[in-house]
C-alpha atoms as a PDB file:
ATOM      1  CA  UNK A   1     -17.734 -69.820  23.911  1.00  0.00           C
ATOM      2  CA  UNK A   2     -16.645 -66.758  21.967  1.00  0.00           C
ATOM      3  CA  UNK A   3     -19.283 -64.111  21.169  1.00  0.00           C
ATOM      4  CA  UNK A   4     -19.793 -63.246  17.503  1.00  0.00           C
ATOM      5  CA  UNK A   5     -18.889 -59.713  16.834  1.00  0.00           C
ATOM      6  CA  UNK A   6     -21.241 -57.517  14.774  1.00  0.00           C
ATOM      7  CA  UNK A   7     -20.211 -56.811  11.160  1.00  0.00           C
ATOM      8  CA  UNK A   8     -18.419 -53.499  10.784  1.00  0.00           C
ATOM      9  CA  UNK A   9     -20.001 -51.094   8.258  1.00  0.00           C
ATOM     10  CA  UNK A  10     -18.224 -50.994   4.942  1.00  0.00           C
ATOM     11  CA  UNK A  11     -16.132 -47.976   3.923  1.00  0.00           C
ATOM     12  CA  UNK A  12     -18.539 -47.144   1.078  1.00  0.00           C
ATOM     13  CA  UNK A  13     -21.522 -47.024   3.401  1.00  0.00           C
ATOM     14  CA  UNK A  14     -19.662 -44.658   5.719  1.00  0.00           C
ATOM     15  CA  UNK A  15     -18.858 -42.316   2.825  1.00  0.00           C
ATOM     16  CA  UNK A  16     -22.474 -42.307   1.611  1.00  0.00           C
ATOM     17  CA  UNK A  17     -23.742 -41.506   5.100  1.00  0.00           C
ATOM     18  CA  UNK A  18     -21.232 -38.687   5.442  1.00  0.00           C
ATOM     19  CA  UNK A  19     -22.264 -37.149   2.131  1.00  0.00           C
ATOM     20  CA  UNK A  20     -25.945 -37.358   3.070  1.00  0.00           C
ATOM     21  CA  UNK A  21     -25.311 -35.590   6.362  1.00  0.00           C
ATOM     22  CA  UNK A  22     -23.320 -32.868   4.596  1.00  0.00           C
ATOM     23  CA  UNK A  23     -26.140 -32.298   2.098  1.00  0.00           C
ATOM     24  CA  UNK A  24     -28.690 -31.983   4.894  1.00  0.00           C
ATOM     25  CA  UNK A  25     -26.492 -29.475   6.719  1.00  0.00           C
ATOM     26  CA  UNK A  26     -25.992 -27.341   3.574  1.00  0.00           C
ATOM     27  CA  UNK A  27     -29.711 -27.318   2.758  1.00  0.00           C
ATOM     28  CA  UNK A  28     -30.606 -26.390   6.305  1.00  0.00           C
ATOM     29  CA  UNK A  29     -28.078 -23.537   6.304  1.00  0.00           C
ATOM     30  CA  UNK A  30     -29.351 -22.153   3.010  1.00  0.00           C
ATOM     31  CA  UNK A  31     -32.958 -22.346   4.162  1.00  0.00           C
ATOM     32  CA  UNK A  32     -32.618 -20.947   7.658  1.00  0.00           C
ATOM     33  CA  UNK A  33     -29.370 -19.020   7.936  1.00  0.00           C
ATOM     34  CA  UNK A  34     -28.219 -17.822   4.537  1.00  0.00           C
ATOM     35  CA  UNK A  35     -28.993 -14.170   3.734  1.00  0.00           C
ATOM     36  CA  UNK A  36     -31.499 -13.597   0.934  1.00  0.00           C
ATOM     37  CA  UNK A  37     -30.012 -13.219  -2.513  1.00  0.00           C
ATOM     38  CA  UNK A  38     -29.430  -9.623  -3.546  1.00  0.00           C
ATOM     39  CA  UNK A  39     -31.833  -8.233  -6.115  1.00  0.00           C
ATOM     40  CA  UNK A  40     -31.037  -5.587  -8.660  1.00  0.00           C
ATOM     41  CA  UNK A  41     -33.301  -2.570  -8.403  1.00  0.00           C
ATOM     42  CA  UNK A  42     -33.689  -0.866 -11.744  1.00  0.00           C
ATOM     43  CA  UNK A  43     -35.812   1.957 -10.375  1.00  0.00           C
ATOM     44  CA  UNK A  44     -38.905   3.412 -11.966  1.00  0.00           C
ATOM     45  CA  UNK A  45     -39.173   3.518 -15.727  1.00  0.00           C
ATOM     46  CA  UNK A  46     -39.321   7.039 -17.164  1.00  0.00           C
ATOM     47  CA  UNK A  47     -40.548   7.628 -20.679  1.00  0.00           C
ATOM     48  CA  UNK A  48     -42.477   5.427 -23.024  1.00  0.00           C
ATOM     49  CA  UNK A  49     -44.906   5.505 -25.927  1.00  0.00           C
ATOM     50  CA  UNK A  50     -46.660   8.822 -26.545  1.00  0.00           C
ATOM     51  CA  UNK A  51     -49.292   9.778 -29.091  1.00  0.00           C
ATOM     52  CA  UNK A  52     -49.813  13.528 -29.436  1.00  0.00           C
ATOM     53  CA  UNK A  53     -49.917  16.284 -32.062  1.00  0.00           C
ATOM     54  CA  UNK A  54     -47.342  19.024 -32.608  1.00  0.00           C
ATOM     55  CA  UNK A  55     -47.752  22.757 -33.120  1.00  0.00           C
ATOM     56  CA  UNK A  56     -48.511  22.150 -36.793  1.00  0.00           C
ATOM     57  CA  UNK A  57     -51.258  19.656 -36.035  1.00  0.00           C
ATOM     58  CA  UNK A  58     -49.109  16.709 -37.133  1.00  0.00           C
ATOM     59  CA  UNK A  59     -49.446  13.418 -35.195  1.00  0.00           C
ATOM     60  CA  UNK A  60     -46.286  12.639 -33.224  1.00  0.00           C
ATOM     61  CA  UNK A  61     -45.097   9.531 -31.397  1.00  0.00           C
ATOM     62  CA  UNK A  62     -41.890   8.719 -29.573  1.00  0.00           C
ATOM     63  CA  UNK A  63     -40.549   7.096 -32.723  1.00  0.00           C
ATOM     64  CA  UNK A  64     -40.330  10.517 -34.381  1.00  0.00           C
ATOM     65  CA  UNK A  65     -37.501  11.470 -32.003  1.00  0.00           C
ATOM     66  CA  UNK A  66     -35.413   8.324 -32.330  1.00  0.00           C
ATOM     67  CA  UNK A  67     -31.826   9.022 -33.280  1.00  0.00           C
ATOM     68  CA  UNK A  68     -31.767  12.300 -31.308  1.00  0.00           C
ATOM     69  CA  UNK A  69     -31.305  13.263 -27.718  1.00  0.00           C
ATOM     70  CA  UNK A  70     -34.461  14.915 -26.419  1.00  0.00           C
ATOM     71  CA  UNK A  71     -34.978  17.430 -23.619  1.00  0.00           C
ATOM     72  CA  UNK A  72     -38.563  17.064 -22.419  1.00  0.00           C
ATOM     73  CA  UNK A  73     -40.500  19.482 -20.230  1.00  0.00           C
ATOM     74  CA  UNK A  74     -44.155  19.359 -19.176  1.00  0.00           C
ATOM     75  CA  UNK A  75     -45.875  22.700 -18.577  1.00  0.00           C
ATOM     76  CA  UNK A  76     -48.431  25.061 -20.091  1.00  0.00           C
ATOM     77  CA  UNK A  77     -48.408  28.292 -22.054  1.00  0.00           C
ATOM     78  CA  UNK A  78     -50.340  30.319 -19.456  1.00  0.00           C
ATOM     79  CA  UNK A  79     -47.719  29.452 -16.817  1.00  0.00           C
ATOM     80  CA  UNK A  80     -46.513  32.734 -15.283  1.00  0.00           C
ATOM     81  CA  UNK A  81     -42.953  31.862 -14.280  1.00  0.00           C
ATOM     82  CA  UNK A  82     -41.508  28.364 -13.937  1.00  0.00           C
ATOM     83  CA  UNK A  83     -42.394  27.177 -17.453  1.00  0.00           C
ATOM     84  CA  UNK A  84     -40.870  30.036 -19.444  1.00  0.00           C
ATOM     85  CA  UNK A  85     -37.812  29.939 -17.201  1.00  0.00           C
ATOM     86  CA  UNK A  86     -37.331  26.198 -17.772  1.00  0.00           C
ATOM     87  CA  UNK A  87     -37.841  26.467 -21.533  1.00  0.00           C
ATOM     88  CA  UNK A  88     -35.337  29.318 -21.732  1.00  0.00           C
ATOM     89  CA  UNK A  89     -32.862  27.187 -19.794  1.00  0.00           C
ATOM     90  CA  UNK A  90     -33.349  24.300 -22.223  1.00  0.00           C
ATOM     91  CA  UNK A  91     -32.834  26.591 -25.211  1.00  0.00           C
ATOM     92  CA  UNK A  92     -29.689  28.145 -23.711  1.00  0.00           C
ATOM     93  CA  UNK A  93     -28.251  24.699 -22.913  1.00  0.00           C
ATOM     94  CA  UNK A  94     -28.719  23.587 -26.510  1.00  0.00           C
ATOM     95  CA  UNK A  95     -27.082  26.757 -27.813  1.00  0.00           C
ATOM     96  CA  UNK A  96     -24.121  26.220 -25.477  1.00  0.00           C
ATOM     97  CA  UNK A  97     -23.530  22.866 -27.156  1.00  0.00           C
ATOM     98  CA  UNK A  98     -22.739  24.557 -30.452  1.00  0.00           C
ATOM     99  CA  UNK A  99     -22.855  22.137 -33.387  1.00  0.00           C
ATOM    100  CA  UNK A 100     -23.612  19.288 -30.988  1.00  0.00           C
ATOM    101  CA  UNK A 101     -26.822  21.084 -30.124  1.00  0.00           C
ATOM    102  CA  UNK A 102     -28.259  19.851 -33.429  1.00  0.00           C
ATOM    103  CA  UNK A 103     -28.290  16.371 -31.908  1.00  0.00           C
ATOM    104  CA  UNK A 104     -30.754  17.527 -29.221  1.00  0.00           C
ATOM    105  CA  UNK A 105     -34.452  18.309 -29.729  1.00  0.00           C
ATOM    106  CA  UNK A 106     -36.210  20.471 -27.117  1.00  0.00           C
ATOM    107  CA  UNK A 107     -39.782  19.259 -26.528  1.00  0.00           C
ATOM    108  CA  UNK A 108     -42.531  21.044 -24.603  1.00  0.00           C
ATOM    109  CA  UNK A 109     -45.571  18.929 -23.695  1.00  0.00           C
ATOM    110  CA  UNK A 110     -48.572  20.829 -22.400  1.00  0.00           C
ATOM    111  CA  UNK A 111     -50.517  19.727 -19.339  1.00  0.00           C
ATOM    112  CA  UNK A 112     -53.321  22.130 -20.314  1.00  0.00           C
ATOM    113  CA  UNK A 113     -54.687  20.779 -23.608  1.00  0.00           C
ATOM    114  CA  UNK A 114     -57.970  22.593 -23.011  1.00  0.00           C
ATOM    115  CA  UNK A 115     -56.325  25.947 -23.777  1.00  0.00           C
ATOM    116  CA  UNK A 116     -53.086  24.897 -25.459  1.00  0.00           C
ATOM    117  CA  UNK A 117     -54.173  24.227 -29.013  1.00  0.00           C
ATOM    118  CA  UNK A 118     -51.579  23.608 -31.742  1.00  0.00           C
ATOM    119  CA  UNK A 119     -51.943  27.252 -32.799  1.00  0.00           C
ATOM    120  CA  UNK A 120     -51.332  28.479 -29.257  1.00  0.00           C
ATOM    121  CA  UNK A 121     -48.306  26.212 -28.890  1.00  0.00           C
ATOM    122  CA  UNK A 122     -46.827  27.318 -32.203  1.00  0.00           C
ATOM    123  CA  UNK A 123     -46.849  30.937 -31.144  1.00  0.00           C
ATOM    124  CA  UNK A 124     -45.500  30.100 -27.695  1.00  0.00           C
ATOM    125  CA  UNK A 125     -42.558  27.788 -28.482  1.00  0.00           C
ATOM    126  CA  UNK A 126     -41.315  30.098 -31.240  1.00  0.00           C
ATOM    127  CA  UNK A 127     -40.237  32.533 -28.516  1.00  0.00           C
ATOM    128  CA  UNK A 128     -37.721  30.065 -27.068  1.00  0.00           C
ATOM    129  CA  UNK A 129     -35.936  28.058 -29.760  1.00  0.00           C
ATOM    130  CA  UNK A 130     -36.456  27.609 -33.516  1.00  0.00           C
ATOM    131  CA  UNK A 131     -36.309  23.826 -33.173  1.00  0.00           C
ATOM    132  CA  UNK A 132     -38.518  23.520 -30.104  1.00  0.00           C
ATOM    133  CA  UNK A 133     -41.415  21.123 -30.581  1.00  0.00           C
ATOM    134  CA  UNK A 134     -44.703  21.800 -28.806  1.00  0.00           C
ATOM    135  CA  UNK A 135     -47.016  18.854 -28.196  1.00  0.00           C
ATOM    136  CA  UNK A 136     -50.673  18.690 -27.214  1.00  0.00           C
ATOM    137  CA  UNK A 137     -53.612  16.321 -27.689  1.00  0.00           C
ATOM    138  CA  UNK A 138     -56.739  15.152 -25.956  1.00  0.00           C
ATOM    139  CA  UNK A 139     -56.779  15.125 -22.172  1.00  0.00           C
ATOM    140  CA  UNK A 140     -56.499  11.331 -22.249  1.00  0.00           C
ATOM    141  CA  UNK A 141     -53.447  11.491 -24.519  1.00  0.00           C
ATOM    142  CA  UNK A 142     -51.775  14.093 -22.320  1.00  0.00           C
ATOM    143  CA  UNK A 143     -52.510  12.039 -19.204  1.00  0.00           C
ATOM    144  CA  UNK A 144     -50.936   8.991 -20.834  1.00  0.00           C
ATOM    145  CA  UNK A 145     -47.790  10.943 -21.735  1.00  0.00           C
ATOM    146  CA  UNK A 146     -47.562  12.411 -18.230  1.00  0.00           C
ATOM    147  CA  UNK A 147     -47.966   8.961 -16.698  1.00  0.00           C
ATOM    148  CA  UNK A 148     -45.149   7.619 -18.873  1.00  0.00           C
ATOM    149  CA  UNK A 149     -42.845  10.335 -17.530  1.00  0.00           C
ATOM    150  CA  UNK A 150     -44.239  10.142 -13.992  1.00  0.00           C
ATOM    151  CA  UNK A 151     -45.384  13.742 -14.174  1.00  0.00           C
ATOM    152  CA  UNK A 152     -48.121  15.063 -11.901  1.00  0.00           C
ATOM    153  CA  UNK A 153     -50.529  17.798 -12.968  1.00  0.00           C
ATOM    154  CA  UNK A 154     -53.855  19.156 -11.769  1.00  0.00           C
ATOM    155  CA  UNK A 155     -56.116  22.101 -12.538  1.00  0.00           C
ATOM    156  CA  UNK A 156     -56.405  24.614  -9.684  1.00  0.00           C
ATOM    157  CA  UNK A 157     -59.207  27.199  -9.460  1.00  0.00           C
ATOM    158  CA  UNK A 158     -58.962  30.188  -7.184  1.00  0.00           C
ATOM    159  CA  UNK A 159     -61.982  30.984  -5.025  1.00  0.00           C
ATOM    160  CA  UNK A 160     -64.507  33.063  -6.939  1.00  0.00           C
ATOM    161  CA  UNK A 161     -62.664  32.751 -10.260  1.00  0.00           C
ATOM    162  CA  UNK A 162     -64.380  31.991 -13.550  1.00  0.00           C
ATOM    163  CA  UNK A 163     -64.379  28.430 -14.827  1.00  0.00           C
ATOM    164  CA  UNK A 164     -61.782  29.238 -17.484  1.00  0.00           C
ATOM    165  CA  UNK A 165     -59.598  31.208 -15.084  1.00  0.00           C
ATOM    166  CA  UNK A 166     -57.282  28.631 -13.544  1.00  0.00           C
ATOM    167  CA  UNK A 167     -53.658  27.614 -13.145  1.00  0.00           C
ATOM    168  CA  UNK A 168     -52.043  24.203 -13.511  1.00  0.00           C
ATOM    169  CA  UNK A 169     -50.116  22.627 -10.688  1.00  0.00           C
ATOM    170  CA  UNK A 170     -47.484  20.359 -12.235  1.00  0.00           C
ATOM    171  CA  UNK A 171     -44.118  18.670 -11.890  1.00  0.00           C
ATOM    172  CA  UNK A 172     -41.269  20.935 -12.980  1.00  0.00           C
ATOM    173  CA  UNK A 173     -38.471  18.680 -14.201  1.00  0.00           C
ATOM    174  CA  UNK A 174     -36.473  18.612 -17.434  1.00  0.00           C
ATOM    175  CA  UNK A 175     -35.850  15.085 -18.707  1.00  0.00           C
ATOM    176  CA  UNK A 176     -33.001  14.025 -20.977  1.00  0.00           C
ATOM    177  CA  UNK A 177     -33.889  11.054 -23.167  1.00  0.00           C
ATOM    178  CA  UNK A 178     -31.386   9.171 -25.305  1.00  0.00           C
ATOM    179  CA  UNK A 179     -31.482   8.476 -29.057  1.00  0.00           C
ATOM    180  CA  UNK A 180     -32.978   5.070 -28.266  1.00  0.00           C
ATOM    181  CA  UNK A 181     -35.794   6.643 -26.257  1.00  0.00           C
ATOM    182  CA  UNK A 182     -34.466   5.629 -22.853  1.00  0.00           C
ATOM    183  CA  UNK A 183     -34.100   7.914 -19.845  1.00  0.00           C
ATOM    184  CA  UNK A 184     -30.607   9.333 -19.307  1.00  0.00           C
ATOM    185  CA  UNK A 185     -30.866  12.164 -16.746  1.00  0.00           C
ATOM    186  CA  UNK A 186     -33.152  14.754 -15.216  1.00  0.00           C
ATOM    187  CA  UNK A 187     -32.687  18.334 -14.085  1.00  0.00           C
ATOM    188  CA  UNK A 188     -34.501  20.235 -11.377  1.00  0.00           C
ATOM    189  CA  UNK A 189     -35.911  23.728 -11.722  1.00  0.00           C
ATOM    190  CA  UNK A 190     -32.760  25.402 -10.400  1.00  0.00           C
ATOM    191  CA  UNK A 191     -30.366  23.664 -12.833  1.00  0.00           C
ATOM    192  CA  UNK A 192     -28.549  26.182 -15.031  1.00  0.00           C
ATOM    193  CA  UNK A 193     -27.958  25.824 -18.777  1.00  0.00           C
ATOM    194  CA  UNK A 194     -24.222  25.275 -18.226  1.00  0.00           C
ATOM    195  CA  UNK A 195     -24.851  22.277 -15.953  1.00  0.00           C
ATOM    196  CA  UNK A 196     -27.365  20.801 -18.395  1.00  0.00           C
ATOM    197  CA  UNK A 197     -25.055  21.268 -21.395  1.00  0.00           C
ATOM    198  CA  UNK A 198     -22.169  19.676 -19.477  1.00  0.00           C
ATOM    199  CA  UNK A 199     -24.295  16.648 -18.569  1.00  0.00           C
ATOM    200  CA  UNK A 200     -25.508  16.217 -22.139  1.00  0.00           C
ATOM    201  CA  UNK A 201     -21.910  16.268 -23.422  1.00  0.00           C
ATOM    202  CA  UNK A 202     -21.181  13.262 -21.217  1.00  0.00           C
ATOM    203  CA  UNK A 203     -23.561  11.230 -23.368  1.00  0.00           C
ATOM    204  CA  UNK A 204     -22.595  12.542 -26.779  1.00  0.00           C
END
């Protein structure tokens, strides 16, 4: 008596099984073996909303500078060396740009609002550039502006000094902001006016 042979699987069933196995293999590879997808790092955000007053006592926000390039420096008027040097460098860089310099506004934001009143700022910034804007405000407003630009500052008293006899430790960087208010470049303390002017021209 002949034995009945088992029914052979249909061609369609074989294809379905093959596809299922392939899917399982792909999913397993992606889960266990595939490298993680690359992420785009945009870096820290520099700049943002500010609310201060200028050397004339007029309220100023970031919107007042839109449409211009802005060179921003944080310092204080009683600074003995690095601040006046940096502001002079900013002013010289703008002058080197010639007519294009009118597209750039130099801005000095104090980190010492306790002593840097609008009147004090007006006298101070006039020594560097006729279009330099000096900004001050309450301590909370200055802290908010410094945080937006990732600037550090702290009051430092010398031993035995009077309460009003102090210096300010602070970040010494010049920031270049674009006409739309976004960060474009930064310059360290040792950057010369020629290098700054050249970099600004790249964006004009």
